[in-house]
Amino acid sequence: MLRLILERGLLLALPFVAWFAWREVARRTGRPMGSTPWPWLFAAGVVLVALSLMASALFHADNRRTTYVPAATRPDGRVSPGHFETPHDR
């Protein structure tokens, strides 16, 4: 879960990073710069996060017709991880 939050946070920050990198290059080459478009940068980040959420919903594996088998300990002390199984009686 933390990985997903960090990925979405990086997507939100990506327009800001790109803008400030471009602004630095423009400043070094002597181009005139206007003010920072904070609302546009935030809106672009929100659009990237929304697109990533839609892509996750579209491309995530569907497990509605499967049964979850929880993790269990084996007789030798090892733990078998939890997993999804497809019913074979269909």
Protein backbone atom coordinates (compact mmCIF):
# COMPACT_ATOMS: atom_id res chain seq x y z
CA MET A 1 0.00 0.00 0.00
CA LEU A 2 2.83 2.37 0.81
CA ARG A 3 4.33 1.70 -2.63
CA LEU A 4 1.06 2.71 -4.31
CA ILE A 5 0.86 5.92 -2.30
CA LEU A 6 4.46 6.79 -3.13
CA GLU A 7 3.91 6.09 -6.83
CA ARG A 8 0.84 8.36 -6.89
CA GLY A 9 2.79 11.02 -4.99
CA LEU A 10 5.58 10.88 -7.57
CA LEU A 11 3.02 11.24 -10.36
CA LEU A 12 1.57 14.28 -8.59
CA ALA A 13 5.06 15.79 -8.24
CA LEU A 14 6.16 15.07 -11.83
CA PRO A 15 4.75 18.28 -13.41
CA PHE A 16 6.40 20.38 -10.69
CA VAL A 17 9.77 18.70 -11.22
CA ALA A 18 9.50 19.14 -15.00
CA TRP A 19 8.51 22.81 -14.65
CA PHE A 20 11.33 23.70 -12.26
CA ALA A 21 13.89 21.83 -14.39
CA TRP A 22 12.70 23.68 -17.49
CA ARG A 23 12.71 26.99 -15.61
CA GLU A 24 16.31 26.42 -14.52
CA VAL A 25 17.39 25.66 -18.09
CA ALA A 26 15.52 28.73 -19.36
CA ARG A 27 17.07 30.93 -16.68
CA ARG A 28 20.58 29.76 -17.56
CA THR A 29 20.04 30.45 -21.26
CA GLY A 30 18.65 33.93 -20.57
CA ARG A 31 15.01 33.39 -21.55
CA PRO A 32 12.47 35.57 -19.77
CA MET A 33 10.33 33.66 -17.29
CA GLY A 34 6.87 34.44 -16.02
CA SER A 35 5.41 33.44 -12.71
CA THR A 36 5.03 29.80 -11.73
CA PRO A 37 1.62 28.42 -12.81
CA TRP A 38 0.80 26.64 -9.53
CA PRO A 39 -2.84 25.77 -10.36
CA TRP A 40 -1.88 24.36 -13.76
CA LEU A 41 0.92 22.27 -12.31
CA PHE A 42 -1.37 20.90 -9.62
CA ALA A 43 -4.11 20.17 -12.18
CA ALA A 44 -1.61 18.34 -14.42
CA GLY A 45 -0.50 16.24 -11.44
CA VAL A 46 -4.10 15.41 -10.55
CA VAL A 47 -4.75 14.37 -14.16
CA LEU A 48 -1.72 12.04 -14.07
CA VAL A 49 -2.91 10.48 -10.81
CA ALA A 50 -6.44 10.07 -12.19
CA LEU A 51 -5.10 8.41 -15.35
CA SER A 52 -3.00 6.02 -13.28
CA LEU A 53 -6.04 5.10 -11.16
CA MET A 54 -8.10 4.45 -14.29
CA ALA A 55 -5.31 2.33 -15.77
CA SER A 56 -5.11 0.35 -12.54
CA ALA A 57 -8.84 -0.33 -12.65
CA LEU A 58 -8.70 -1.38 -16.30
CA PHE A 59 -5.60 -3.55 -16.24
CA HIS A 60 -5.69 -5.06 -12.73
CA ALA A 61 -6.38 -8.78 -12.63
CA ASP A 62 -9.98 -9.65 -11.84
CA ASN A 63 -10.35 -12.05 -8.89
CA ARG A 64 -14.13 -11.98 -8.41
CA ARG A 65 -14.69 -15.60 -9.47
CA THR A 66 -11.83 -17.01 -7.45
CA THR A 67 -11.47 -18.23 -3.89
CA TYR A 68 -8.83 -16.86 -1.56
CA VAL A 69 -6.77 -19.50 0.23
CA PRO A 70 -5.14 -17.87 3.28
CA ALA A 71 -1.55 -18.39 4.33
CA ALA A 72 -0.95 -21.49 6.42
CA THR A 73 1.91 -23.14 8.26
CA ARG A 74 3.13 -26.47 6.98
CA PRO A 75 4.19 -29.37 9.24
CA ASP A 76 7.86 -28.50 8.64
CA GLY A 77 7.34 -24.98 10.02
CA ARG A 78 7.39 -23.09 6.72
CA VAL A 79 4.58 -20.72 5.80
CA SER A 80 2.81 -21.17 2.49
CA PRO A 81 1.70 -17.77 1.15
CA GLY A 82 -1.92 -16.90 0.57
CA HIS A 83 -3.18 -17.12 -2.99
CA PHE A 84 -6.28 -17.19 -5.19
CA GLU A 85 -7.57 -20.42 -6.69
CA THR A 86 -10.01 -20.81 -9.56
CA PRO A 87 -12.79 -23.33 -8.89
CA HIS A 88 -12.41 -26.39 -11.12
CA ASP A 89 -16.07 -27.48 -11.08
CA ARG A 90 -17.26 -25.07 -13.77
